[in-house]
C-alpha atoms as a PDB file:
ATOM      1  CA  MET A   1     -12.008 -40.143  -2.809  1.00  0.00           C
ATOM      2  CA  ASN A   2     -10.457 -37.368  -4.903  1.00  0.00           C
ATOM      3  CA  ARG A   3     -11.276 -33.809  -3.934  1.00  0.00           C
ATOM      4  CA  SER A   4     -11.077 -30.715  -6.074  1.00  0.00           C
ATOM      5  CA  PRO A   5      -8.010 -28.471  -5.463  1.00  0.00           C
ATOM      6  CA  LEU A   6     -10.346 -25.489  -5.210  1.00  0.00           C
ATOM      7  CA  ILE A   7     -11.940 -27.028  -2.116  1.00  0.00           C
ATOM      8  CA  ASP A   8      -8.536 -27.357  -0.462  1.00  0.00           C
ATOM      9  CA  LEU A   9      -7.631 -23.792  -1.421  1.00  0.00           C
ATOM     10  CA  GLY A  10     -10.917 -22.450  -0.088  1.00  0.00           C
ATOM     11  CA  ALA A  11     -10.517 -24.352   3.158  1.00  0.00           C
ATOM     12  CA  GLY A  12      -6.954 -23.078   3.549  1.00  0.00           C
ATOM     13  CA  CYS A  13      -7.984 -19.456   2.962  1.00  0.00           C
ATOM     14  CA  LEU A  14     -10.889 -19.847   5.402  1.00  0.00           C
ATOM     15  CA  LEU A  15      -8.619 -21.248   8.103  1.00  0.00           C
ATOM     16  CA  PHE A  16      -6.069 -18.482   7.485  1.00  0.00           C
ATOM     17  CA  ALA A  17      -8.728 -15.769   7.807  1.00  0.00           C
ATOM     18  CA  LEU A  18     -10.125 -17.444  10.937  1.00  0.00           C
ATOM     19  CA  GLY A  19      -6.639 -17.537  12.458  1.00  0.00           C
ATOM     20  CA  LEU A  20      -6.145 -13.824  11.801  1.00  0.00           C
ATOM     21  CA  ILE A  21      -9.499 -13.020  13.412  1.00  0.00           C
ATOM     22  CA  LEU A  22      -8.726 -15.104  16.493  1.00  0.00           C
ATOM     23  CA  LEU A  23      -5.279 -13.551  16.731  1.00  0.00           C
ATOM     24  CA  GLY A  24      -6.748 -10.049  16.588  1.00  0.00           C
ATOM     25  CA  LEU A  25      -9.326 -10.891  19.253  1.00  0.00           C
ATOM     26  CA  TYR A  26      -6.613 -12.330  21.479  1.00  0.00           C
ATOM     27  CA  PHE A  27      -4.408  -9.236  21.308  1.00  0.00           C
ATOM     28  CA  ARG A  28      -7.425  -6.987  21.766  1.00  0.00           C
ATOM     29  CA  ASN A  29      -8.936  -8.738  24.808  1.00  0.00           C
ATOM     30  CA  ARG A  30      -5.851  -9.983  26.631  1.00  0.00           C
ATOM     31  CA  ARG A  31      -5.087  -8.565  30.062  1.00  0.00           C
ATOM     32  CA  THR A  32      -2.465  -5.882  29.945  1.00  0.00           C
ATOM     33  CA  GLY A  33       0.457  -5.806  32.308  1.00  0.00           C
ATOM     34  CA  LEU A  34       1.365  -3.122  34.794  1.00  0.00           C
ATOM     35  CA  ALA A  35       3.785  -1.455  32.344  1.00  0.00           C
ATOM     36  CA  CYS A  36       1.092  -1.229  29.674  1.00  0.00           C
ATOM     37  CA  ARG A  37      -1.524   0.108  32.122  1.00  0.00           C
ATOM     38  CA  LEU A  38       0.909   2.789  33.254  1.00  0.00           C
ATOM     39  CA  ASN A  39       1.667   3.590  29.570  1.00  0.00           C
ATOM     40  CA  THR A  40       5.384   2.944  29.982  1.00  0.00           C
ATOM     41  CA  ARG A  41       7.804   1.355  27.547  1.00  0.00           C
ATOM     42  CA  ASP A  42      11.254  -0.134  27.653  1.00  0.00           C
ATOM     43  CA  ASP A  43      12.588   2.679  25.475  1.00  0.00           C
ATOM     44  CA  LYS A  44      11.919   6.405  25.951  1.00  0.00           C
ATOM     45  CA  VAL A  45       8.640   6.946  27.759  1.00  0.00           C
ATOM     46  CA  ASN A  46       7.966  10.423  26.464  1.00  0.00           C
ATOM     47  CA  SER A  47       9.782  10.080  23.144  1.00  0.00           C
ATOM     48  CA  GLU A  48       8.862  12.330  20.285  1.00  0.00           C
ATOM     49  CA  GLU A  49       7.539   9.371  18.278  1.00  0.00           C
ATOM     50  CA  ASP A  50       4.916   8.579  20.931  1.00  0.00           C
ATOM     51  CA  ILE A  51       3.805  12.200  21.067  1.00  0.00           C
ATOM     52  CA  LEU A  52       3.649  12.441  17.283  1.00  0.00           C
ATOM     53  CA  LEU A  53       1.380   9.407  17.192  1.00  0.00           C
ATOM     54  CA  ARG A  54      -1.173  11.303  19.253  1.00  0.00           C
ATOM     55  CA  HIS A  55      -1.235  14.091  16.653  1.00  0.00           C
ATOM     56  CA  GLN A  56      -2.280  11.703  13.874  1.00  0.00           C
ATOM     57  CA  THR A  57      -6.033  11.930  14.258  1.00  0.00           C
ATOM     58  CA  GLU A  58      -6.927  10.418  10.882  1.00  0.00           C
ATOM     59  CA  SER A  59      -4.743   7.330  11.073  1.00  0.00           C
ATOM     60  CA  VAL A  60      -5.827   4.029   9.576  1.00  0.00           C
ATOM     61  CA  PHE A  61      -5.130   2.400  12.942  1.00  0.00           C
ATOM     62  CA  ASN A  62      -7.888   4.501  14.519  1.00  0.00           C
ATOM     63  CA  ARG A  63     -10.426   3.308  11.953  1.00  0.00           C
ATOM     64  CA  PHE A  64      -9.396  -0.354  12.110  1.00  0.00           C
ATOM     65  CA  PRO A  65      -8.249  -1.304  15.637  1.00  0.00           C
ATOM     66  CA  VAL A  66      -7.453  -4.870  14.562  1.00  0.00           C
ATOM     67  CA  LEU A  67      -4.485  -3.496  12.614  1.00  0.00           C
ATOM     68  CA  VAL A  68      -2.878  -2.447  15.896  1.00  0.00           C
ATOM     69  CA  ALA A  69      -2.751  -6.067  17.037  1.00  0.00           C
ATOM     70  CA  LEU A  70      -1.473  -7.235  13.661  1.00  0.00           C
ATOM     71  CA  ALA A  71       1.195  -4.525  13.685  1.00  0.00           C
ATOM     72  CA  ALA A  72       2.311  -5.547  17.175  1.00  0.00           C
ATOM     73  CA  PHE A  73       2.584  -9.170  16.078  1.00  0.00           C
ATOM     74  CA  GLY A  74       4.461  -8.251  12.907  1.00  0.00           C
ATOM     75  CA  ASP A  75       6.845  -6.021  14.827  1.00  0.00           C
ATOM     76  CA  LYS A  76       8.146  -9.099  16.630  1.00  0.00           C
ATOM     77  CA  LEU A  77       9.089 -10.579  13.248  1.00  0.00           C
ATOM     78  CA  ALA A  78      10.856  -7.446  11.991  1.00  0.00           C
ATOM     79  CA  GLY A  79      14.347  -8.681  12.925  1.00  0.00           C
ATOM     80  CA  THR A  80      17.079  -6.751  14.674  1.00  0.00           C
ATOM     81  CA  GLN A  81      16.993  -3.103  15.659  1.00  0.00           C
ATOM     82  CA  SER A  82      19.141  -2.175  12.677  1.00  0.00           C
ATOM     83  CA  ASP A  83      16.729  -3.913  10.291  1.00  0.00           C
ATOM     84  CA  ARG A  84      13.825  -2.100  11.894  1.00  0.00           C
ATOM     85  CA  ARG A  85      15.501   1.277  11.436  1.00  0.00           C
ATOM     86  CA  LYS A  86      16.131   0.540   7.769  1.00  0.00           C
ATOM     87  CA  THR A  87      12.531  -0.551   7.294  1.00  0.00           C
ATOM     88  CA  GLN A  88      11.197   2.528   9.109  1.00  0.00           C
ATOM     89  CA  ARG A  89      13.340   4.805   6.953  1.00  0.00           C
ATOM     90  CA  LEU A  90      12.108   3.134   3.771  1.00  0.00           C
ATOM     91  CA  LEU A  91       8.493   3.378   4.896  1.00  0.00           C
ATOM     92  CA  ALA A  92       8.978   7.029   5.869  1.00  0.00           C
ATOM     93  CA  MET A  93      10.309   7.748   2.383  1.00  0.00           C
ATOM     94  CA  ALA A  94       7.156   6.102   1.003  1.00  0.00           C
ATOM     95  CA  GLY A  95       4.925   8.292   3.195  1.00  0.00           C
ATOM     96  CA  PHE A  96       4.196   5.870   6.062  1.00  0.00           C
ATOM     97  CA  HIS A  97       5.460   7.802   9.085  1.00  0.00           C
ATOM     98  CA  ASP A  98       3.730   5.780  11.770  1.00  0.00           C
ATOM     99  CA  ARG A  99       6.228   3.282  13.165  1.00  0.00           C
ATOM    100  CA  ARG A 100       3.466   0.685  13.482  1.00  0.00           C
ATOM    101  CA  TYR A 101       3.586   0.313   9.706  1.00  0.00           C
ATOM    102  CA  THR A 102       6.848  -1.582  10.244  1.00  0.00           C
ATOM    103  CA  GLY A 103       4.937  -4.486  11.760  1.00  0.00           C
ATOM    104  CA  LEU A 104       2.292  -4.395   9.042  1.00  0.00           C
ATOM    105  CA  PHE A 105       4.969  -4.318   6.355  1.00  0.00           C
ATOM    106  CA  THR A 106       6.751  -7.353   7.807  1.00  0.00           C
ATOM    107  CA  LEU A 107       3.502  -9.237   8.345  1.00  0.00           C
ATOM    108  CA  SER A 108       2.322  -8.474   4.813  1.00  0.00           C
ATOM    109  CA  LYS A 109       5.528  -9.931   3.381  1.00  0.00           C
ATOM    110  CA  TYR A 110       5.043 -13.194   5.251  1.00  0.00           C
ATOM    111  CA  ALA A 111       1.296 -13.291   4.562  1.00  0.00           C
ATOM    112  CA  CYS A 112       1.797 -12.738   0.840  1.00  0.00           C
ATOM    113  CA  GLY A 113       4.406 -15.495   0.776  1.00  0.00           C
ATOM    114  CA  LEU A 114       2.170 -17.945   2.644  1.00  0.00           C
ATOM    115  CA  ILE A 115      -0.776 -17.236   0.343  1.00  0.00           C
ATOM    116  CA  CYS A 116       1.377 -17.777  -2.750  1.00  0.00           C
ATOM    117  CA  ILE A 117       2.838 -21.003  -1.348  1.00  0.00           C
ATOM    118  CA  THR A 118      -0.614 -22.310  -0.412  1.00  0.00           C
ATOM    119  CA  GLY A 119      -1.936 -21.563  -3.886  1.00  0.00           C
ATOM    120  CA  TYR A 120       1.084 -23.220  -5.469  1.00  0.00           C
ATOM    121  CA  PHE A 121       0.793 -26.390  -3.392  1.00  0.00           C
ATOM    122  CA  MET A 122      -2.958 -26.641  -3.930  1.00  0.00           C
ATOM    123  CA  LEU A 123      -3.147 -25.781  -7.627  1.00  0.00           C
ATOM    124  CA  GLY A 124       0.353 -26.167  -9.062  1.00  0.00           C
ATOM    125  CA  THR A 125       1.378 -29.570  -7.736  1.00  0.00           C
ATOM    126  CA  GLU A 126      -0.163 -33.000  -7.508  1.00  0.00           C
ATOM    127  CA  PRO A 127      -1.158 -34.345  -4.068  1.00  0.00           C
ATOM    128  CA  GLY A 128       1.595 -36.925  -4.076  1.00  0.00           C
ATOM    129  CA  GLN A 129       4.359 -34.471  -5.056  1.00  0.00           C
ATOM    130  CA  ARG A 130       3.690 -31.679  -2.546  1.00  0.00           C
ATOM    131  CA  LEU A 131       6.420 -32.749  -0.119  1.00  0.00           C
ATOM    132  CA  SER A 132       9.073 -33.505  -2.716  1.00  0.00           C
ATOM    133  CA  MET A 133      12.361 -31.635  -2.850  1.00  0.00           C
ATOM    134  CA  MET A 134      11.431 -29.843  -6.055  1.00  0.00           C
ATOM    135  CA  SER A 135       8.111 -28.655  -4.640  1.00  0.00           C
ATOM    136  CA  LEU A 136       9.707 -27.446  -1.404  1.00  0.00           C
ATOM    137  CA  ALA A 137      12.465 -25.626  -3.311  1.00  0.00           C
ATOM    138  CA  ALA A 138       9.891 -24.008  -5.589  1.00  0.00           C
ATOM    139  CA  GLY A 139       7.834 -22.997  -2.540  1.00  0.00           C
ATOM    140  CA  LEU A 140      10.831 -21.370  -0.854  1.00  0.00           C
ATOM    141  CA  MET A 141      11.681 -19.523  -4.070  1.00  0.00           C
ATOM    142  CA  LEU A 142       8.079 -18.366  -4.366  1.00  0.00           C
ATOM    143  CA  LEU A 143       8.176 -17.162  -0.742  1.00  0.00           C
ATOM    144  CA  PHE A 144      11.296 -15.127  -1.459  1.00  0.00           C
ATOM    145  CA  LEU A 145       9.887 -13.630  -4.673  1.00  0.00           C
ATOM    146  CA  SER A 146       6.534 -12.724  -3.116  1.00  0.00           C
ATOM    147  CA  SER A 147       8.155 -10.979  -0.146  1.00  0.00           C
ATOM    148  CA  LEU A 148      10.524  -9.221  -2.540  1.00  0.00           C
ATOM    149  CA  THR A 149       7.538  -8.019  -4.559  1.00  0.00           C
ATOM    150  CA  VAL A 150       6.040  -6.282  -1.511  1.00  0.00           C
ATOM    151  CA  GLU A 151       9.353  -4.584  -0.746  1.00  0.00           C
ATOM    152  CA  LEU A 152       9.763  -3.586  -4.391  1.00  0.00           C
ATOM    153  CA  TRP A 153       6.320  -1.959  -4.366  1.00  0.00           C
ATOM    154  CA  VAL A 154       7.301   0.147  -1.335  1.00  0.00           C
ATOM    155  CA  LYS A 155      10.583   1.164  -3.021  1.00  0.00           C
ATOM    156  CA  VAL A 156       8.758   2.193  -6.204  1.00  0.00           C
ATOM    157  CA  ARG A 157       6.284   4.217  -4.131  1.00  0.00           C
ATOM    158  CA  ALA A 158       9.159   5.877  -2.258  1.00  0.00           C
ATOM    159  CA  SER A 159      10.920   6.730  -5.521  1.00  0.00           C
ATOM    160  CA  GLY A 160       7.788   8.262  -7.037  1.00  0.00           C
ATOM    161  CA  ARG A 161       7.086  10.208  -3.876  1.00  0.00           C
ATOM    162  CA  GLY A 162      10.642  11.566  -3.833  1.00  0.00           C
ATOM    163  CA  LYS A 163      10.224  12.704  -7.436  1.00  0.00           C
ATOM    164  CA  ARG A 164       7.006  14.542  -6.564  1.00  0.00           C
ATOM    165  CA  LEU A 165       8.660  16.139  -3.538  1.00  0.00           C
ATOM    166  CA  SER A 166      11.489  17.430  -5.709  1.00  0.00           C
ATOM    167  CA  ASP A 167       9.041  18.889  -8.245  1.00  0.00           C
ATOM    168  CA  GLN A 168       6.760  20.503  -5.662  1.00  0.00           C
ATOM    169  CA  LEU A 169       9.463  22.014  -3.462  1.00  0.00           C
ATOM    170  CA  PRO A 170      10.066  25.221  -5.531  1.00  0.00           C
ATOM    171  CA  ASP A 171       6.422  26.278  -5.109  1.00  0.00           C
ATOM    172  CA  ALA A 172       6.627  25.629  -1.388  1.00  0.00           C
ATOM    173  CA  LEU A 173       9.830  27.676  -1.145  1.00  0.00           C
ATOM    174  CA  ASP A 174       8.193  30.616  -2.912  1.00  0.00           C
ATOM    175  CA  LEU A 175       5.401  30.605  -0.338  1.00  0.00           C
ATOM    176  CA  MET A 176       7.956  30.324   2.454  1.00  0.00           C
ATOM    177  CA  VAL A 177       9.763  33.387   1.113  1.00  0.00           C
ATOM    178  CA  ILE A 178       6.503  35.361   1.168  1.00  0.00           C
ATOM    179  CA  CYS A 179       5.756  34.236   4.732  1.00  0.00           C
ATOM    180  CA  ALA A 180       9.297  35.087   5.864  1.00  0.00           C
ATOM    181  CA  GLY A 181       8.958  38.532   4.300  1.00  0.00           C
ATOM    182  CA  ALA A 182       5.811  39.018   6.386  1.00  0.00           C
ATOM    183  CA  GLY A 183       7.835  38.420   9.552  1.00  0.00           C
ATOM    184  CA  LEU A 184       6.660  34.926  10.500  1.00  0.00           C
ATOM    185  CA  PRO A 185       9.019  32.573  12.375  1.00  0.00           C
ATOM    186  CA  LEU A 186      10.181  29.305  10.815  1.00  0.00           C
ATOM    187  CA  ALA A 187       7.775  27.034  12.662  1.00  0.00           C
ATOM    188  CA  ARG A 188       4.801  29.228  11.766  1.00  0.00           C
ATOM    189  CA  ILE A 189       5.996  29.353   8.144  1.00  0.00           C
ATOM    190  CA  LEU A 190       5.981  25.555   7.944  1.00  0.00           C
ATOM    191  CA  ASP A 191       2.480  25.438   9.414  1.00  0.00           C
ATOM    192  CA  VAL A 192       1.061  28.015   6.987  1.00  0.00           C
ATOM    193  CA  VAL A 193       2.716  26.498   3.906  1.00  0.00           C
ATOM    194  CA  SER A 194       1.588  22.968   4.810  1.00  0.00           C
ATOM    195  CA  THR A 195      -1.981  24.225   5.156  1.00  0.00           C
ATOM    196  CA  GLU A 196      -1.964  26.153   1.871  1.00  0.00           C
ATOM    197  CA  LEU A 197      -0.403  23.289  -0.141  1.00  0.00           C
ATOM    198  CA  ALA A 198      -2.591  20.523   1.277  1.00  0.00           C
ATOM    199  CA  PHE A 199      -4.440  20.052  -2.035  1.00  0.00           C
ATOM    200  CA  SER A 200      -1.954  21.133  -4.702  1.00  0.00           C
ATOM    201  CA  ALA A 201       1.153  19.509  -3.182  1.00  0.00           C
ATOM    202  CA  PRO A 202       0.074  16.942  -0.574  1.00  0.00           C
ATOM    203  CA  GLU A 203       3.509  15.302  -0.225  1.00  0.00           C
ATOM    204  CA  VAL A 204       5.306  18.540   0.638  1.00  0.00           C
ATOM    205  CA  ALA A 205       2.430  19.633   2.866  1.00  0.00           C
ATOM    206  CA  GLN A 206       2.573  16.365   4.785  1.00  0.00           C
ATOM    207  CA  GLU A 207       6.315  16.565   5.382  1.00  0.00           C
ATOM    208  CA  LEU A 208       6.262  20.236   6.396  1.00  0.00           C
ATOM    209  CA  GLY A 209       3.317  19.676   8.715  1.00  0.00           C
ATOM    210  CA  TYR A 210       5.110  16.737  10.324  1.00  0.00           C
ATOM    211  CA  THR A 211       8.215  18.887  10.784  1.00  0.00           C
ATOM    212  CA  PHE A 212       6.116  21.655  12.341  1.00  0.00           C
ATOM    213  CA  THR A 213       4.737  19.142  14.846  1.00  0.00           C
ATOM    214  CA  GLU A 214       8.244  17.987  15.697  1.00  0.00           C
ATOM    215  CA  MET A 215       9.363  21.569  16.259  1.00  0.00           C
ATOM    216  CA  GLN A 216       6.594  21.999  18.823  1.00  0.00           C
ATOM    217  CA  ILE A 217       7.866  18.951  20.691  1.00  0.00           C
ATOM    218  CA  LEU A 218      11.643  18.833  20.353  1.00  0.00           C
ATOM    219  CA  SER A 219      13.874  21.280  22.165  1.00  0.00           C
ATOM    220  CA  ASP A 220      16.336  21.380  19.252  1.00  0.00           C
ATOM    221  CA  ARG A 221      14.846  22.667  16.010  1.00  0.00           C
ATOM    222  CA  ARG A 222      17.863  21.474  14.051  1.00  0.00           C
ATOM    223  CA  ARG A 223      16.989  17.907  15.007  1.00  0.00           C
ATOM    224  CA  ALA A 224      13.529  18.354  13.481  1.00  0.00           C
ATOM    225  CA  LEU A 225      15.055  19.709  10.270  1.00  0.00           C
ATOM    226  CA  MET A 226      17.511  16.805  10.111  1.00  0.00           C
ATOM    227  CA  ASN A 227      14.607  14.396  10.536  1.00  0.00           C
ATOM    228  CA  LEU A 228      12.943  16.070   7.556  1.00  0.00           C
ATOM    229  CA  SER A 229      16.039  15.451   5.442  1.00  0.00           C
ATOM    230  CA  ASP A 230      16.272  11.824   6.567  1.00  0.00           C
ATOM    231  CA  ARG A 231      12.602  11.109   5.857  1.00  0.00           C
ATOM    232  CA  CYS A 232      12.575  12.612   2.374  1.00  0.00           C
ATOM    233  CA  ALA A 233      16.041  11.556   1.133  1.00  0.00           C
ATOM    234  CA  VAL A 234      15.775  14.131  -1.688  1.00  0.00           C
ATOM    235  CA  ASP A 235      18.656  16.354  -2.767  1.00  0.00           C
ATOM    236  CA  ASN A 236      16.553  19.527  -2.868  1.00  0.00           C
ATOM    237  CA  VAL A 237      15.177  18.950   0.614  1.00  0.00           C
ATOM    238  CA  SER A 238      18.646  18.134   1.972  1.00  0.00           C
ATOM    239  CA  ALA A 239      20.024  21.353   0.482  1.00  0.00           C
ATOM    240  CA  MET A 240      17.152  23.344   1.990  1.00  0.00           C
ATOM    241  CA  VAL A 241      17.721  21.795   5.418  1.00  0.00           C
ATOM    242  CA  SER A 242      21.473  22.470   5.277  1.00  0.00           C
ATOM    243  CA  THR A 243      20.906  26.112   4.342  1.00  0.00           C
ATOM    244  CA  LEU A 244      18.331  26.628   7.110  1.00  0.00           C
ATOM    245  CA  ILE A 245      20.620  25.065   9.722  1.00  0.00           C
ATOM    246  CA  GLN A 246      23.549  27.234   8.635  1.00  0.00           C
ATOM    247  CA  ALA A 247      21.355  30.341   8.616  1.00  0.00           C
ATOM    248  CA  GLU A 248      20.200  29.614  12.146  1.00  0.00           C
ATOM    249  CA  ARG A 249      23.737  28.895  13.316  1.00  0.00           C
ATOM    250  CA  TYR A 250      25.344  32.025  11.871  1.00  0.00           C
ATOM    251  CA  GLY A 251      22.416  34.391  12.349  1.00  0.00           C
ATOM    252  CA  THR A 252      21.533  34.915   8.688  1.00  0.00           C
ATOM    253  CA  PRO A 253      18.088  36.521   8.167  1.00  0.00           C
ATOM    254  CA  LEU A 254      15.475  33.878   7.464  1.00  0.00           C
ATOM    255  CA  SER A 255      13.958  35.694   4.486  1.00  0.00           C
ATOM    256  CA  GLN A 256      17.341  36.018   2.805  1.00  0.00           C
ATOM    257  CA  ALA A 257      18.177  32.340   3.391  1.00  0.00           C
ATOM    258  CA  LEU A 258      14.823  31.190   2.042  1.00  0.00           C
ATOM    259  CA  LYS A 259      15.154  33.456  -0.984  1.00  0.00           C
ATOM    260  CA  THR A 260      18.555  31.956  -1.757  1.00  0.00           C
ATOM    261  CA  ILE A 261      17.169  28.432  -1.433  1.00  0.00           C
ATOM    262  CA  SER A 262      14.213  29.297  -3.669  1.00  0.00           C
ATOM    263  CA  GLU A 263      16.439  30.706  -6.406  1.00  0.00           C
ATOM    264  CA  GLU A 264      18.734  27.686  -6.293  1.00  0.00           C
ATOM    265  CA  SER A 265      15.771  25.323  -6.395  1.00  0.00           C
ATOM    266  CA  ARG A 266      14.322  27.098  -9.433  1.00  0.00           C
ATOM    267  CA  LYS A 267      17.686  26.947 -11.176  1.00  0.00           C
ATOM    268  CA  ALA A 268      17.982  23.241 -10.410  1.00  0.00           C
ATOM    269  CA  LEU A 269      14.470  22.677 -11.783  1.00  0.00           C
ATOM    270  CA  VAL A 270      15.289  24.552 -15.000  1.00  0.00           C
ATOM    271  CA  LEU A 271      18.557  22.651 -15.388  1.00  0.00           C
ATOM    272  CA  GLY A 272      16.711  19.379 -14.929  1.00  0.00           C
ATOM    273  CA  LEU A 273      14.209  20.329 -17.629  1.00  0.00           C
ATOM    274  CA  GLU A 274      17.029  21.365 -19.963  1.00  0.00           C
ATOM    275  CA  GLU A 275      18.757  18.057 -19.336  1.00  0.00           C
ATOM    276  CA  LYS A 276      15.589  16.158 -20.190  1.00  0.00           C
ATOM    277  CA  THR A 277      15.188  18.286 -23.338  1.00  0.00           C
ATOM    278  CA  GLY A 278      18.757  17.482 -24.382  1.00  0.00           C
ATOM    279  CA  LYS A 279      18.126  13.755 -23.979  1.00  0.00           C
ATOM    280  CA  LEU A 280      14.903  13.899 -25.988  1.00  0.00           C
ATOM    281  CA  PRO A 281      16.431  13.506 -29.503  1.00  0.00           C
ATOM    282  CA  ALA A 282      18.382  10.428 -28.452  1.00  0.00           C
ATOM    283  CA  GLN A 283      15.303   8.936 -26.804  1.00  0.00           C
ATOM    284  CA  LEU A 284      13.173   9.606 -29.888  1.00  0.00           C
ATOM    285  CA  SER A 285      15.582   7.721 -32.135  1.00  0.00           C
ATOM    286  CA  VAL A 286      14.338   4.338 -30.896  1.00  0.00           C
ATOM    287  CA  PRO A 287      10.623   4.902 -31.685  1.00  0.00           C
ATOM    288  CA  LEU A 288      11.666   6.597 -34.919  1.00  0.00           C
ATOM    289  CA  MET A 289      13.538   3.502 -36.050  1.00  0.00           C
ATOM    290  CA  THR A 290      10.916   1.000 -34.876  1.00  0.00           C
ATOM    291  CA  LEU A 291       7.701   2.791 -35.904  1.00  0.00           C
ATOM    292  CA  ILE A 292       8.507   5.148 -38.780  1.00  0.00           C
ATOM    293  CA  LEU A 293      11.418   3.570 -40.639  1.00  0.00           C
ATOM    294  CA  PRO A 294       9.764   0.168 -41.460  1.00  0.00           C
ATOM    295  CA  PRO A 295       6.694   1.754 -43.155  1.00  0.00           C
ATOM    296  CA  VAL A 296       8.980   4.042 -45.184  1.00  0.00           C
ATOM    297  CA  ILE A 297      11.063   1.084 -46.340  1.00  0.00           C
ATOM    298  CA  ALA A 298       7.886  -0.841 -47.204  1.00  0.00           C
ATOM    299  CA  MET A 299       6.543   2.067 -49.264  1.00  0.00           C
ATOM    300  CA  MET A 300       9.838   2.432 -51.121  1.00  0.00           C
ATOM    301  CA  GLY A 301      10.200  -1.294 -51.810  1.00  0.00           C
ATOM    302  CA  ALA A 302       6.565  -2.043 -52.655  1.00  0.00           C
ATOM    303  CA  PRO A 303       6.731  -1.075 -56.390  1.00  0.00           C
ATOM    304  CA  ALA A 304       9.834  -3.203 -56.938  1.00  0.00           C
ATOM    305  CA  MET A 305       8.224  -6.155 -55.161  1.00  0.00           C
ATOM    306  CA  VAL A 306       5.084  -5.809 -57.324  1.00  0.00           C
ATOM    307  CA  ARG A 307       7.211  -5.847 -60.515  1.00  0.00           C
ATOM    308  CA  ILE A 308       9.126  -8.898 -59.359  1.00  0.00           C
ATOM    309  CA  ILE A 309       5.887 -10.748 -58.555  1.00  0.00           C
ATOM    310  CA  ARG A 310       4.464  -9.911 -61.973  1.00  0.00           C
ATOM    311  CA  MET A 311       7.629 -11.058 -63.731  1.00  0.00           C
ATOM    312  CA  LEU A 312       7.562 -14.333 -61.851  1.00  0.00           C
ATOM    313  CA  ALA A 313       3.883 -14.803 -62.635  1.00  0.00           C
ATOM    314  CA  ASP A 314       4.472 -14.315 -66.391  1.00  0.00           C
END
């Protein structure tokens, strides 16, 4: 008896959702070992990442505990330690600082691929051709493309976030100069600026607030500033971090160093706008040729075409 492909697809999706629910219940209710009960890990027990996780009070993992189990399962599929570091750096550039997002990112790639393959086998192939070489090759290609799509979305988000960070940094530097002129230390400056820019520049506020938290934990403030540069991967932020580290090393006054960074950032912003303005005529040539030139040619050639049509009609 022939069944509709939609029934098979619905049954597959239902079984997949049921498997995820059972997996989440298993990781949530399983008995923890002695190392987990003592809150110890194989890596650093009191690492700065573990302490920073406790400062994230409004995390999505606190609202949805099942994501913790899914992240732990996906972390096992993340590959080698080098691959995990690359993934964590990419996610940090996109604004996902919690290291548990690495597991969710890996699991989402596989889940998206499995959903696409299931839909392809149920709707795109006939029942007798699902295990053929062509179908399997197409399924593997679809798995690769679907996982690549998830990674591409994260890269696009990271690129857009880096652009916003570069645009919002001059305003943050101006506020930092004012705070330094009032006699505040660097850590307090980062805290005040992150609070004031929480609504107008949320990306910069998030990064500065995260750096302020690291400075309260780490013994070396330069390490916290270097982490800021690594997370953002923006030229303006890297230049600011380098200047602050040099000012702290050679004893330069903080207000003077921040004022220099602010002036350079404003100059870089103006130069970027001038560069975009210089490219504008060349960029306008394409819409000028495609949208304006054809109607002009039609208006100029219309009288001649009308005369030719009349002559042919006579």
